[in-house]
């Protein structure tokens, strides 16, 4: 066990501010990656949204990428090029591009399940 949480063993040097698999994290491993980040945003109140301010507030939060890997949110946002987002859709698109490009978006494709 590292970081004080049984499953959060991936970042030995991180001291997570909350359990990556608790309700503030992946909701008991029911949510991963993009979904965890999106729930930190209030679509009505937070836009326009500054990338740097968002990372300053939530950068140390653990983001469970898949059943094996947890990373600090700032690590994902190191790869988001845009500095400001006008709305939720723009934010999602930029985040999705960065996550796919850097291997944080695990998807096997529908053909893997047939």
PDB file of N, CA and C in Angstrom:
ATOM      1  N   UNK A   1       0.857  -1.180   0.000  1.00  0.00           N
ATOM      2  CA  UNK A   1       0.000   0.000   0.000  1.00  0.00           C
ATOM      3  C   UNK A   1       0.897   1.235   0.000  1.00  0.00           C
ATOM      4  N   UNK A   2       0.584   2.205  -0.863  1.00  0.00           N
ATOM      5  CA  UNK A   2       1.284   3.483  -0.900  1.00  0.00           C
ATOM      6  C   UNK A   2       0.278   4.613  -0.841  1.00  0.00           C
ATOM      7  N   UNK A   3       0.753   5.785  -0.529  1.00  0.00           N
ATOM      8  CA  UNK A   3      -0.078   6.988  -0.502  1.00  0.00           C
ATOM      9  C   UNK A   3      -1.232   6.886   0.489  1.00  0.00           C
ATOM     10  N   UNK A   4      -1.235   5.850   1.327  1.00  0.00           N
ATOM     11  CA  UNK A   4      -2.308   5.680   2.288  1.00  0.00           C
ATOM     12  C   UNK A   4      -3.548   5.015   1.721  1.00  0.00           C
ATOM     13  N   UNK A   5      -3.526   4.645   0.445  1.00  0.00           N
ATOM     14  CA  UNK A   5      -4.694   4.033  -0.183  1.00  0.00           C
ATOM     15  C   UNK A   5      -4.280   2.724  -0.835  1.00  0.00           C
ATOM     16  N   UNK A   6      -5.035   1.693  -0.592  1.00  0.00           N
ATOM     17  CA  UNK A   6      -4.676   0.342  -1.001  1.00  0.00           C
ATOM     18  C   UNK A   6      -4.364   0.202  -2.486  1.00  0.00           C
ATOM     19  N   UNK A   7      -5.171   0.779  -3.364  1.00  0.00           N
ATOM     20  CA  UNK A   7      -4.976   0.573  -4.794  1.00  0.00           C
ATOM     21  C   UNK A   7      -4.165   1.661  -5.483  1.00  0.00           C
ATOM     22  N   UNK A   8      -3.826   2.725  -4.797  1.00  0.00           N
ATOM     23  CA  UNK A   8      -3.135   3.850  -5.431  1.00  0.00           C
ATOM     24  C   UNK A   8      -1.627   3.685  -5.340  1.00  0.00           C
ATOM     25  N   UNK A   9      -1.120   2.626  -5.887  1.00  0.00           N
ATOM     26  CA  UNK A   9       0.298   2.299  -5.761  1.00  0.00           C
ATOM     27  C   UNK A   9       1.138   2.829  -6.911  1.00  0.00           C
ATOM     28  N   UNK A  10       0.547   3.461  -7.903  1.00  0.00           N
ATOM     29  CA  UNK A  10       1.251   3.797  -9.121  1.00  0.00           C
ATOM     30  C   UNK A  10       2.227   4.958  -8.990  1.00  0.00           C
ATOM     31  N   UNK A  11       1.957   5.904  -8.119  1.00  0.00           N
ATOM     32  CA  UNK A  11       2.812   7.073  -7.966  1.00  0.00           C
ATOM     33  C   UNK A  11       3.387   7.064  -6.558  1.00  0.00           C
ATOM     34  N   UNK A  12       4.476   6.358  -6.351  1.00  0.00           N
ATOM     35  CA  UNK A  12       5.050   6.202  -5.033  1.00  0.00           C
ATOM     36  C   UNK A  12       5.459   7.501  -4.368  1.00  0.00           C
ATOM     37  N   UNK A  13       5.736   8.529  -5.157  1.00  0.00           N
ATOM     38  CA  UNK A  13       6.167   9.802  -4.591  1.00  0.00           C
ATOM     39  C   UNK A  13       5.010  10.770  -4.375  1.00  0.00           C
ATOM     40  N   UNK A  14       3.787  10.363  -4.686  1.00  0.00           N
ATOM     41  CA  UNK A  14       2.628  11.251  -4.534  1.00  0.00           C
ATOM     42  C   UNK A  14       1.938  11.003  -3.199  1.00  0.00           C
ATOM     43  N   UNK A  15       1.474  12.070  -2.609  1.00  0.00           N
ATOM     44  CA  UNK A  15       0.652  11.997  -1.409  1.00  0.00           C
ATOM     45  C   UNK A  15      -0.720  12.521  -1.820  1.00  0.00           C
ATOM     46  N   UNK A  16      -1.599  11.631  -2.239  1.00  0.00           N
ATOM     47  CA  UNK A  16      -2.891  12.033  -2.791  1.00  0.00           C
ATOM     48  C   UNK A  16      -3.715  12.809  -1.770  1.00  0.00           C
ATOM     49  N   UNK A  17      -4.412  13.876  -2.207  1.00  0.00           N
ATOM     50  CA  UNK A  17      -5.267  14.630  -1.288  1.00  0.00           C
ATOM     51  C   UNK A  17      -6.548  13.892  -0.911  1.00  0.00           C
ATOM     52  N   UNK A  18      -6.924  12.876  -1.672  1.00  0.00           N
ATOM     53  CA  UNK A  18      -8.068  12.031  -1.337  1.00  0.00           C
ATOM     54  C   UNK A  18      -7.897  10.671  -2.007  1.00  0.00           C
ATOM     55  N   UNK A  19      -8.684   9.721  -1.578  1.00  0.00           N
ATOM     56  CA  UNK A  19      -8.625   8.359  -2.099  1.00  0.00           C
ATOM     57  C   UNK A  19      -9.009   8.352  -3.576  1.00  0.00           C
ATOM     58  N   UNK A  20      -8.124   7.874  -4.458  1.00  0.00           N
ATOM     59  CA  UNK A  20      -8.440   7.822  -5.883  1.00  0.00           C
ATOM     60  C   UNK A  20      -9.680   6.985  -6.196  1.00  0.00           C
ATOM     61  N   UNK A  21     -10.044   6.082  -5.290  1.00  0.00           N
ATOM     62  CA  UNK A  21     -11.182   5.203  -5.531  1.00  0.00           C
ATOM     63  C   UNK A  21     -12.376   5.508  -4.646  1.00  0.00           C
ATOM     64  N   UNK A  22     -12.313   6.598  -3.900  1.00  0.00           N
ATOM     65  CA  UNK A  22     -13.448   7.026  -3.091  1.00  0.00           C
ATOM     66  C   UNK A  22     -14.403   7.866  -3.921  1.00  0.00           C
ATOM     67  N   UNK A  23     -15.404   8.430  -3.271  1.00  0.00           N
ATOM     68  CA  UNK A  23     -16.403   9.235  -3.981  1.00  0.00           C
ATOM     69  C   UNK A  23     -15.793  10.480  -4.623  1.00  0.00           C
ATOM     70  N   UNK A  24     -14.765  11.070  -4.027  1.00  0.00           N
ATOM     71  CA  UNK A  24     -14.114  12.243  -4.612  1.00  0.00           C
ATOM     72  C   UNK A  24     -13.213  11.858  -5.783  1.00  0.00           C
ATOM     73  N   UNK A  25     -12.912  10.582  -5.903  1.00  0.00           N
ATOM     74  CA  UNK A  25     -12.055  10.097  -6.979  1.00  0.00           C
ATOM     75  C   UNK A  25     -12.861   9.405  -8.059  1.00  0.00           C
ATOM     76  N   UNK A  26     -12.625   8.106  -8.202  1.00  0.00           N
ATOM     77  CA  UNK A  26     -13.264   7.353  -9.283  1.00  0.00           C
ATOM     78  C   UNK A  26     -14.607   6.754  -8.888  1.00  0.00           C
ATOM     79  N   UNK A  27     -15.139   7.200  -7.761  1.00  0.00           N
ATOM     80  CA  UNK A  27     -16.432   6.714  -7.273  1.00  0.00           C
ATOM     81  C   UNK A  27     -16.445   5.192  -7.189  1.00  0.00           C
ATOM     82  N   UNK A  28     -15.461   4.648  -6.477  1.00  0.00           N
ATOM     83  CA  UNK A  28     -15.389   3.200  -6.305  1.00  0.00           C
ATOM     84  C   UNK A  28     -14.987   2.472  -7.567  1.00  0.00           C
ATOM     85  N   UNK A  29     -14.155   3.117  -8.385  1.00  0.00           N
ATOM     86  CA  UNK A  29     -13.673   2.589  -9.666  1.00  0.00           C
ATOM     87  C   UNK A  29     -14.805   2.448 -10.682  1.00  0.00           C
ATOM     88  N   UNK A  30     -15.836   3.275 -10.555  1.00  0.00           N
ATOM     89  CA  UNK A  30     -16.918   3.284 -11.540  1.00  0.00           C
ATOM     90  C   UNK A  30     -16.662   4.320 -12.629  1.00  0.00           C
ATOM     91  N   UNK A  31     -15.769   5.278 -12.366  1.00  0.00           N
ATOM     92  CA  UNK A  31     -15.452   6.316 -13.348  1.00  0.00           C
ATOM     93  C   UNK A  31     -13.944   6.381 -13.527  1.00  0.00           C
ATOM     94  N   UNK A  32     -13.534   6.668 -14.739  1.00  0.00           N
ATOM     95  CA  UNK A  32     -12.118   6.732 -15.059  1.00  0.00           C
ATOM     96  C   UNK A  32     -11.815   7.985 -15.873  1.00  0.00           C
ATOM     97  N   UNK A  33     -10.555   8.426 -15.822  1.00  0.00           N
ATOM     98  CA  UNK A  33     -10.011   9.467 -16.681  1.00  0.00           C
ATOM     99  C   UNK A  33     -10.847  10.710 -16.863  1.00  0.00           C
ATOM    100  N   UNK A  34     -11.317  10.864 -18.074  1.00  0.00           N
ATOM    101  CA  UNK A  34     -12.057  12.044 -18.507  1.00  0.00           C
ATOM    102  C   UNK A  34     -13.279  12.312 -17.624  1.00  0.00           C
ATOM    103  N   UNK A  35     -13.985  11.277 -17.242  1.00  0.00           N
ATOM    104  CA  UNK A  35     -15.203  11.433 -16.430  1.00  0.00           C
ATOM    105  C   UNK A  35     -14.890  12.001 -15.049  1.00  0.00           C
ATOM    106  N   UNK A  36     -13.760  11.628 -14.478  1.00  0.00           N
ATOM    107  CA  UNK A  36     -13.377  12.147 -13.163  1.00  0.00           C
ATOM    108  C   UNK A  36     -13.057  13.633 -13.258  1.00  0.00           C
ATOM    109  N   UNK A  37     -12.356  14.020 -14.309  1.00  0.00           N
ATOM    110  CA  UNK A  37     -11.998  15.431 -14.494  1.00  0.00           C
ATOM    111  C   UNK A  37     -13.247  16.262 -14.749  1.00  0.00           C
ATOM    112  N   UNK A  38     -14.144  15.760 -15.580  1.00  0.00           N
ATOM    113  CA  UNK A  38     -15.353  16.511 -15.943  1.00  0.00           C
ATOM    114  C   UNK A  38     -16.233  16.807 -14.738  1.00  0.00           C
ATOM    115  N   UNK A  39     -16.262  15.921 -13.751  1.00  0.00           N
ATOM    116  CA  UNK A  39     -17.144  16.153 -12.603  1.00  0.00           C
ATOM    117  C   UNK A  39     -16.626  17.257 -11.680  1.00  0.00           C
ATOM    118  N   UNK A  40     -15.435  17.764 -11.930  1.00  0.00           N
ATOM    119  CA  UNK A  40     -14.883  18.867 -11.144  1.00  0.00           C
ATOM    120  C   UNK A  40     -15.355  20.229 -11.656  1.00  0.00           C
ATOM    121  N   UNK A  41     -16.082  20.232 -12.750  1.00  0.00           N
ATOM    122  CA  UNK A  41     -16.483  21.477 -13.402  1.00  0.00           C
ATOM    123  C   UNK A  41     -17.979  21.708 -13.262  1.00  0.00           C
ATOM    124  N   UNK A  42     -18.333  22.944 -12.973  1.00  0.00           N
ATOM    125  CA  UNK A  42     -19.725  23.383 -12.989  1.00  0.00           C
ATOM    126  C   UNK A  42     -19.931  24.094 -14.322  1.00  0.00           C
ATOM    127  N   UNK A  43     -20.671  23.454 -15.197  1.00  0.00           N
ATOM    128  CA  UNK A  43     -20.844  23.964 -16.559  1.00  0.00           C
ATOM    129  C   UNK A  43     -21.442  25.364 -16.591  1.00  0.00           C
ATOM    130  N   UNK A  44     -22.274  25.686 -15.627  1.00  0.00           N
ATOM    131  CA  UNK A  44     -22.935  26.992 -15.594  1.00  0.00           C
ATOM    132  C   UNK A  44     -22.049  28.086 -15.006  1.00  0.00           C
ATOM    133  N   UNK A  45     -21.163  27.735 -14.080  1.00  0.00           N
ATOM    134  CA  UNK A  45     -20.406  28.731 -13.309  1.00  0.00           C
ATOM    135  C   UNK A  45     -18.950  28.913 -13.737  1.00  0.00           C
ATOM    136  N   UNK A  46     -18.319  27.907 -14.296  1.00  0.00           N
ATOM    137  CA  UNK A  46     -16.860  27.907 -14.439  1.00  0.00           C
ATOM    138  C   UNK A  46     -16.299  28.436 -15.759  1.00  0.00           C
ATOM    139  N   UNK A  47     -17.133  28.795 -16.693  1.00  0.00           N
ATOM    140  CA  UNK A  47     -16.622  29.228 -18.001  1.00  0.00           C
ATOM    141  C   UNK A  47     -16.801  30.715 -18.194  1.00  0.00           C
ATOM    142  N   UNK A  48     -15.823  31.351 -18.862  1.00  0.00           N
ATOM    143  CA  UNK A  48     -14.620  30.754 -19.436  1.00  0.00           C
ATOM    144  C   UNK A  48     -13.715  30.204 -18.340  1.00  0.00           C
ATOM    145  N   UNK A  49     -12.985  29.155 -18.690  1.00  0.00           N
ATOM    146  CA  UNK A  49     -12.155  28.430 -17.738  1.00  0.00           C
ATOM    147  C   UNK A  49     -10.692  28.532 -18.146  1.00  0.00           C
ATOM    148  N   UNK A  50      -9.853  28.940 -17.223  1.00  0.00           N
ATOM    149  CA  UNK A  50      -8.410  29.010 -17.447  1.00  0.00           C
ATOM    150  C   UNK A  50      -7.789  27.661 -17.113  1.00  0.00           C
ATOM    151  N   UNK A  51      -7.051  27.106 -18.050  1.00  0.00           N
ATOM    152  CA  UNK A  51      -6.361  25.833 -17.816  1.00  0.00           C
ATOM    153  C   UNK A  51      -5.447  25.928 -16.595  1.00  0.00           C
ATOM    154  N   UNK A  52      -4.654  26.990 -16.524  1.00  0.00           N
ATOM    155  CA  UNK A  52      -3.677  27.112 -15.443  1.00  0.00           C
ATOM    156  C   UNK A  52      -4.336  27.264 -14.076  1.00  0.00           C
ATOM    157  N   UNK A  53      -5.433  28.002 -14.000  1.00  0.00           N
ATOM    158  CA  UNK A  53      -6.149  28.143 -12.726  1.00  0.00           C
ATOM    159  C   UNK A  53      -6.790  26.817 -12.312  1.00  0.00           C
ATOM    160  N   UNK A  54      -7.333  26.098 -13.281  1.00  0.00           N
ATOM    161  CA  UNK A  54      -7.941  24.794 -13.013  1.00  0.00           C
ATOM    162  C   UNK A  54      -6.891  23.820 -12.477  1.00  0.00           C
ATOM    163  N   UNK A  55      -5.726  23.804 -13.112  1.00  0.00           N
ATOM    164  CA  UNK A  55      -4.647  22.915 -12.672  1.00  0.00           C
ATOM    165  C   UNK A  55      -4.108  23.351 -11.311  1.00  0.00           C
ATOM    166  N   UNK A  56      -4.040  24.649 -11.060  1.00  0.00           N
ATOM    167  CA  UNK A  56      -3.579  25.127  -9.750  1.00  0.00           C
ATOM    168  C   UNK A  56      -4.500  24.629  -8.639  1.00  0.00           C
ATOM    169  N   UNK A  57      -5.792  24.564  -8.926  1.00  0.00           N
ATOM    170  CA  UNK A  57      -6.760  24.118  -7.916  1.00  0.00           C
ATOM    171  C   UNK A  57      -6.826  22.600  -7.770  1.00  0.00           C
ATOM    172  N   UNK A  58      -6.761  21.873  -8.881  1.00  0.00           N
ATOM    173  CA  UNK A  58      -6.995  20.427  -8.856  1.00  0.00           C
ATOM    174  C   UNK A  58      -5.810  19.576  -9.314  1.00  0.00           C
ATOM    175  N   UNK A  59      -4.678  20.183  -9.604  1.00  0.00           N
ATOM    176  CA  UNK A  59      -3.551  19.472 -10.210  1.00  0.00           C
ATOM    177  C   UNK A  59      -3.035  18.264  -9.461  1.00  0.00           C
ATOM    178  N   UNK A  60      -3.119  18.264  -8.137  1.00  0.00           N
ATOM    179  CA  UNK A  60      -2.632  17.125  -7.361  1.00  0.00           C
ATOM    180  C   UNK A  60      -3.676  16.033  -7.176  1.00  0.00           C
ATOM    181  N   UNK A  61      -4.896  16.271  -7.624  1.00  0.00           N
ATOM    182  CA  UNK A  61      -5.950  15.261  -7.483  1.00  0.00           C
ATOM    183  C   UNK A  61      -5.609  14.019  -8.299  1.00  0.00           C
ATOM    184  N   UNK A  62      -5.849  12.840  -7.726  1.00  0.00           N
ATOM    185  CA  UNK A  62      -5.571  11.596  -8.445  1.00  0.00           C
ATOM    186  C   UNK A  62      -6.638  11.322  -9.501  1.00  0.00           C
ATOM    187  N   UNK A  63      -6.184  10.943 -10.678  1.00  0.00           N
ATOM    188  CA  UNK A  63      -7.092  10.574 -11.765  1.00  0.00           C
ATOM    189  C   UNK A  63      -6.804   9.126 -12.123  1.00  0.00           C
ATOM    190  N   UNK A  64      -7.785   8.268 -11.892  1.00  0.00           N
ATOM    191  CA  UNK A  64      -7.622   6.863 -12.259  1.00  0.00           C
ATOM    192  C   UNK A  64      -7.844   6.748 -13.758  1.00  0.00           C
ATOM    193  N   UNK A  65      -6.795   6.314 -14.459  1.00  0.00           N
ATOM    194  CA  UNK A  65      -6.845   6.172 -15.915  1.00  0.00           C
ATOM    195  C   UNK A  65      -7.494   4.846 -16.301  1.00  0.00           C
ATOM    196  N   UNK A  66      -7.120   3.802 -15.612  1.00  0.00           N
ATOM    197  CA  UNK A  66      -7.683   2.478 -15.845  1.00  0.00           C
ATOM    198  C   UNK A  66      -7.548   1.682 -14.547  1.00  0.00           C
ATOM    199  N   UNK A  67      -7.798   0.407 -14.597  1.00  0.00           N
ATOM    200  CA  UNK A  67      -7.790  -0.371 -13.359  1.00  0.00           C
ATOM    201  C   UNK A  67      -6.398  -0.482 -12.740  1.00  0.00           C
ATOM    202  N   UNK A  68      -5.342  -0.126 -13.484  1.00  0.00           N
ATOM    203  CA  UNK A  68      -3.982  -0.237 -12.972  1.00  0.00           C
ATOM    204  C   UNK A  68      -3.305   1.094 -12.663  1.00  0.00           C
ATOM    205  N   UNK A  69      -3.719   2.160 -13.308  1.00  0.00           N
ATOM    206  CA  UNK A  69      -2.917   3.386 -13.285  1.00  0.00           C
ATOM    207  C   UNK A  69      -3.667   4.592 -12.741  1.00  0.00           C
ATOM    208  N   UNK A  70      -3.002   5.298 -11.819  1.00  0.00           N
ATOM    209  CA  UNK A  70      -3.494   6.557 -11.258  1.00  0.00           C
ATOM    210  C   UNK A  70      -2.398   7.595 -11.470  1.00  0.00           C
ATOM    211  N   UNK A  71      -2.770   8.764 -11.981  1.00  0.00           N
ATOM    212  CA  UNK A  71      -1.802   9.845 -12.192  1.00  0.00           C
ATOM    213  C   UNK A  71      -2.360  11.136 -11.610  1.00  0.00           C
ATOM    214  N   UNK A  72      -1.485  12.086 -11.256  1.00  0.00           N
ATOM    215  CA  UNK A  72      -1.987  13.392 -10.828  1.00  0.00           C
ATOM    216  C   UNK A  72      -2.570  14.131 -12.029  1.00  0.00           C
ATOM    217  N   UNK A  73      -3.639  14.878 -11.815  1.00  0.00           N
ATOM    218  CA  UNK A  73      -4.301  15.564 -12.918  1.00  0.00           C
ATOM    219  C   UNK A  73      -3.348  16.466 -13.691  1.00  0.00           C
ATOM    220  N   UNK A  74      -2.410  17.111 -12.992  1.00  0.00           N
ATOM    221  CA  UNK A  74      -1.491  18.023 -13.680  1.00  0.00           C
ATOM    222  C   UNK A  74      -0.686  17.305 -14.757  1.00  0.00           C
ATOM    223  N   UNK A  75      -0.413  16.016 -14.569  1.00  0.00           N
ATOM    224  CA  UNK A  75       0.333  15.247 -15.567  1.00  0.00           C
ATOM    225  C   UNK A  75      -0.442  15.178 -16.884  1.00  0.00           C
ATOM    226  N   UNK A  76      -1.736  15.012 -16.812  1.00  0.00           N
ATOM    227  CA  UNK A  76      -2.570  14.987 -18.021  1.00  0.00           C
ATOM    228  C   UNK A  76      -2.593  16.367 -18.661  1.00  0.00           C
ATOM    229  N   UNK A  77      -2.768  17.404 -17.844  1.00  0.00           N
ATOM    230  CA  UNK A  77      -2.894  18.760 -18.377  1.00  0.00           C
ATOM    231  C   UNK A  77      -1.578  19.331 -18.890  1.00  0.00           C
ATOM    232  N   UNK A  78      -0.462  18.672 -18.619  1.00  0.00           N
ATOM    233  CA  UNK A  78       0.807  19.069 -19.234  1.00  0.00           C
ATOM    234  C   UNK A  78       0.721  18.957 -20.751  1.00  0.00           C
ATOM    235  N   UNK A  79      -0.225  18.164 -21.235  1.00  0.00           N
ATOM    236  CA  UNK A  79      -0.350  17.904 -22.667  1.00  0.00           C
ATOM    237  C   UNK A  79      -1.531  18.620 -23.322  1.00  0.00           C
ATOM    238  N   UNK A  80      -2.286  19.388 -22.558  1.00  0.00           N
ATOM    239  CA  UNK A  80      -3.403  20.169 -23.108  1.00  0.00           C
ATOM    240  C   UNK A  80      -2.832  21.495 -23.594  1.00  0.00           C
ATOM    241  N   UNK A  81      -2.943  21.750 -24.888  1.00  0.00           N
ATOM    242  CA  UNK A  81      -2.316  22.927 -25.487  1.00  0.00           C
ATOM    243  C   UNK A  81      -3.076  24.223 -25.226  1.00  0.00           C
ATOM    244  N   UNK A  82      -4.397  24.171 -25.243  1.00  0.00           N
ATOM    245  CA  UNK A  82      -5.210  25.372 -25.073  1.00  0.00           C
ATOM    246  C   UNK A  82      -5.051  25.939 -23.666  1.00  0.00           C
ATOM    247  N   UNK A  83      -5.046  27.268 -23.563  1.00  0.00           N
ATOM    248  CA  UNK A  83      -4.887  27.932 -22.266  1.00  0.00           C
ATOM    249  C   UNK A  83      -6.212  28.337 -21.640  1.00  0.00           C
ATOM    250  N   UNK A  84      -7.266  28.480 -22.455  1.00  0.00           N
ATOM    251  CA  UNK A  84      -8.573  28.879 -21.940  1.00  0.00           C
ATOM    252  C   UNK A  84      -9.663  28.208 -22.761  1.00  0.00           C
ATOM    253  N   UNK A  85     -10.779  27.942 -22.091  1.00  0.00           N
ATOM    254  CA  UNK A  85     -11.908  27.265 -22.726  1.00  0.00           C
ATOM    255  C   UNK A  85     -13.151  28.109 -22.540  1.00  0.00           C
ATOM    256  N   UNK A  86     -13.888  28.324 -23.625  1.00  0.00           N
ATOM    257  CA  UNK A  86     -15.100  29.139 -23.573  1.00  0.00           C
ATOM    258  C   UNK A  86     -16.308  28.376 -23.053  1.00  0.00           C
ATOM    259  N   UNK A  87     -16.312  27.052 -23.245  1.00  0.00           N
ATOM    260  CA  UNK A  87     -17.454  26.259 -22.793  1.00  0.00           C
ATOM    261  C   UNK A  87     -17.029  24.813 -22.538  1.00  0.00           C
ATOM    262  N   UNK A  88     -17.974  24.038 -22.034  1.00  0.00           N
ATOM    263  CA  UNK A  88     -17.734  22.653 -21.646  1.00  0.00           C
ATOM    264  C   UNK A  88     -17.310  21.796 -22.837  1.00  0.00           C
ATOM    265  N   UNK A  89     -17.930  22.003 -23.987  1.00  0.00           N
ATOM    266  CA  UNK A  89     -17.608  21.215 -25.183  1.00  0.00           C
ATOM    267  C   UNK A  89     -16.162  21.461 -25.603  1.00  0.00           C
ATOM    268  N   UNK A  90     -15.755  22.713 -25.632  1.00  0.00           N
ATOM    269  CA  UNK A  90     -14.382  23.054 -26.004  1.00  0.00           C
ATOM    270  C   UNK A  90     -13.385  22.408 -25.033  1.00  0.00           C
ATOM    271  N   UNK A  91     -13.704  22.465 -23.752  1.00  0.00           N
ATOM    272  CA  UNK A  91     -12.864  21.841 -22.726  1.00  0.00           C
ATOM    273  C   UNK A  91     -12.754  20.334 -22.968  1.00  0.00           C
ATOM    274  N   UNK A  92     -13.884  19.667 -23.153  1.00  0.00           N
ATOM    275  CA  UNK A  92     -13.900  18.216 -23.385  1.00  0.00           C
ATOM    276  C   UNK A  92     -13.094  17.835 -24.615  1.00  0.00           C
ATOM    277  N   UNK A  93     -13.243  18.584 -25.685  1.00  0.00           N
ATOM    278  CA  UNK A  93     -12.533  18.257 -26.918  1.00  0.00           C
ATOM    279  C   UNK A  93     -11.022  18.374 -26.742  1.00  0.00           C
ATOM    280  N   UNK A  94     -10.572  19.457 -26.118  1.00  0.00           N
ATOM    281  CA  UNK A  94      -9.135  19.653 -25.903  1.00  0.00           C
ATOM    282  C   UNK A  94      -8.568  18.577 -24.978  1.00  0.00           C
ATOM    283  N   UNK A  95      -9.296  18.276 -23.917  1.00  0.00           N
ATOM    284  CA  UNK A  95      -8.862  17.250 -22.974  1.00  0.00           C
ATOM    285  C   UNK A  95      -8.809  15.880 -23.654  1.00  0.00           C
ATOM    286  N   UNK A  96      -9.832  15.557 -24.423  1.00  0.00           N
ATOM    287  CA  UNK A  96      -9.868  14.279 -25.137  1.00  0.00           C
ATOM    288  C   UNK A  96      -8.719  14.128 -26.121  1.00  0.00           C
ATOM    289  N   UNK A  97      -8.420  15.191 -26.871  1.00  0.00           N
ATOM    290  CA  UNK A  97      -7.292  15.143 -27.814  1.00  0.00           C
ATOM    291  C   UNK A  97      -5.984  14.849 -27.077  1.00  0.00           C
ATOM    292  N   UNK A  98      -5.758  15.560 -25.984  1.00  0.00           N
ATOM    293  CA  UNK A  98      -4.522  15.366 -25.219  1.00  0.00           C
ATOM    294  C   UNK A  98      -4.450  13.961 -24.630  1.00  0.00           C
ATOM    295  N   UNK A  99      -5.549  13.479 -24.091  1.00  0.00           N
ATOM    296  CA  UNK A  99      -5.549  12.151 -23.474  1.00  0.00           C
ATOM    297  C   UNK A  99      -5.313  11.053 -24.502  1.00  0.00           C
ATOM    298  N   UNK A 100      -5.924  11.156 -25.668  1.00  0.00           N
ATOM    299  CA  UNK A 100      -5.704  10.147 -26.712  1.00  0.00           C
ATOM    300  C   UNK A 100      -4.267  10.200 -27.227  1.00  0.00           C
ATOM    301  N   UNK A 101      -3.772  11.390 -27.478  1.00  0.00           N
ATOM    302  CA  UNK A 101      -2.427  11.570 -28.023  1.00  0.00           C
ATOM    303  C   UNK A 101      -1.356  11.008 -27.078  1.00  0.00           C
ATOM    304  N   UNK A 102      -1.555  11.150 -25.777  1.00  0.00           N
ATOM    305  CA  UNK A 102      -0.534  10.766 -24.803  1.00  0.00           C
ATOM    306  C   UNK A 102      -0.773   9.404 -24.145  1.00  0.00           C
ATOM    307  N   UNK A 103      -1.777   8.667 -24.610  1.00  0.00           N
ATOM    308  CA  UNK A 103      -2.004   7.319 -24.099  1.00  0.00           C
ATOM    309  C   UNK A 103      -2.759   7.238 -22.782  1.00  0.00           C
ATOM    310  N   UNK A 104      -3.485   8.306 -22.432  1.00  0.00           N
ATOM    311  CA  UNK A 104      -4.294   8.291 -21.210  1.00  0.00           C
ATOM    312  C   UNK A 104      -5.727   7.839 -21.479  1.00  0.00           C
ATOM    313  N   UNK A 105      -6.060   7.571 -22.710  1.00  0.00           N
ATOM    314  CA  UNK A 105      -7.423   7.191 -23.072  1.00  0.00           C
ATOM    315  C   UNK A 105      -7.373   5.767 -23.584  1.00  0.00           C
ATOM    316  N   UNK A 106      -7.748   4.837 -22.752  1.00  0.00           N
ATOM    317  CA  UNK A 106      -7.694   3.428 -23.105  1.00  0.00           C
ATOM    318  C   UNK A 106      -8.998   3.029 -23.782  1.00  0.00           C
ATOM    319  N   UNK A 107      -8.908   2.568 -25.012  1.00  0.00           N
ATOM    320  CA  UNK A 107     -10.088   2.104 -25.730  1.00  0.00           C
ATOM    321  C   UNK A 107      -9.644   1.062 -26.741  1.00  0.00           C
ATOM    322  N   UNK A 108     -10.207  -0.116 -26.653  1.00  0.00           N
ATOM    323  CA  UNK A 108      -9.819  -1.201 -27.547  1.00  0.00           C
ATOM    324  C   UNK A 108     -10.604  -1.204 -28.845  1.00  0.00           C
ATOM    325  N   UNK A 109     -11.722  -0.520 -28.876  1.00  0.00           N
ATOM    326  CA  UNK A 109     -12.578  -0.545 -30.048  1.00  0.00           C
ATOM    327  C   UNK A 109     -13.646  -1.610 -29.915  1.00  0.00           C
ATOM    328  N   UNK A 110     -14.759  -1.392 -30.568  1.00  0.00           N
ATOM    329  CA  UNK A 110     -15.891  -2.314 -30.440  1.00  0.00           C
ATOM    330  C   UNK A 110     -15.578  -3.702 -30.981  1.00  0.00           C
ATOM    331  N   UNK A 111     -14.669  -3.790 -31.944  1.00  0.00           N
ATOM    332  CA  UNK A 111     -14.338  -5.096 -32.519  1.00  0.00           C
ATOM    333  C   UNK A 111     -13.689  -6.032 -31.487  1.00  0.00           C
ATOM    334  N   UNK A 112     -13.152  -5.498 -30.413  1.00  0.00           N
ATOM    335  CA  UNK A 112     -12.549  -6.325 -29.365  1.00  0.00           C
ATOM    336  C   UNK A 112     -13.604  -7.084 -28.564  1.00  0.00           C
ATOM    337  N   UNK A 113     -14.858  -6.703 -28.701  1.00  0.00           N
ATOM    338  CA  UNK A 113     -15.920  -7.304 -27.894  1.00  0.00           C
ATOM    339  C   UNK A 113     -16.871  -8.177 -28.702  1.00  0.00           C
ATOM    340  N   UNK A 114     -16.497  -8.528 -29.917  1.00  0.00           N
ATOM    341  CA  UNK A 114     -17.359  -9.390 -30.729  1.00  0.00           C
ATOM    342  C   UNK A 114     -16.698 -10.719 -30.992  1.00  0.00           C
TER     343      UNK A 114
END
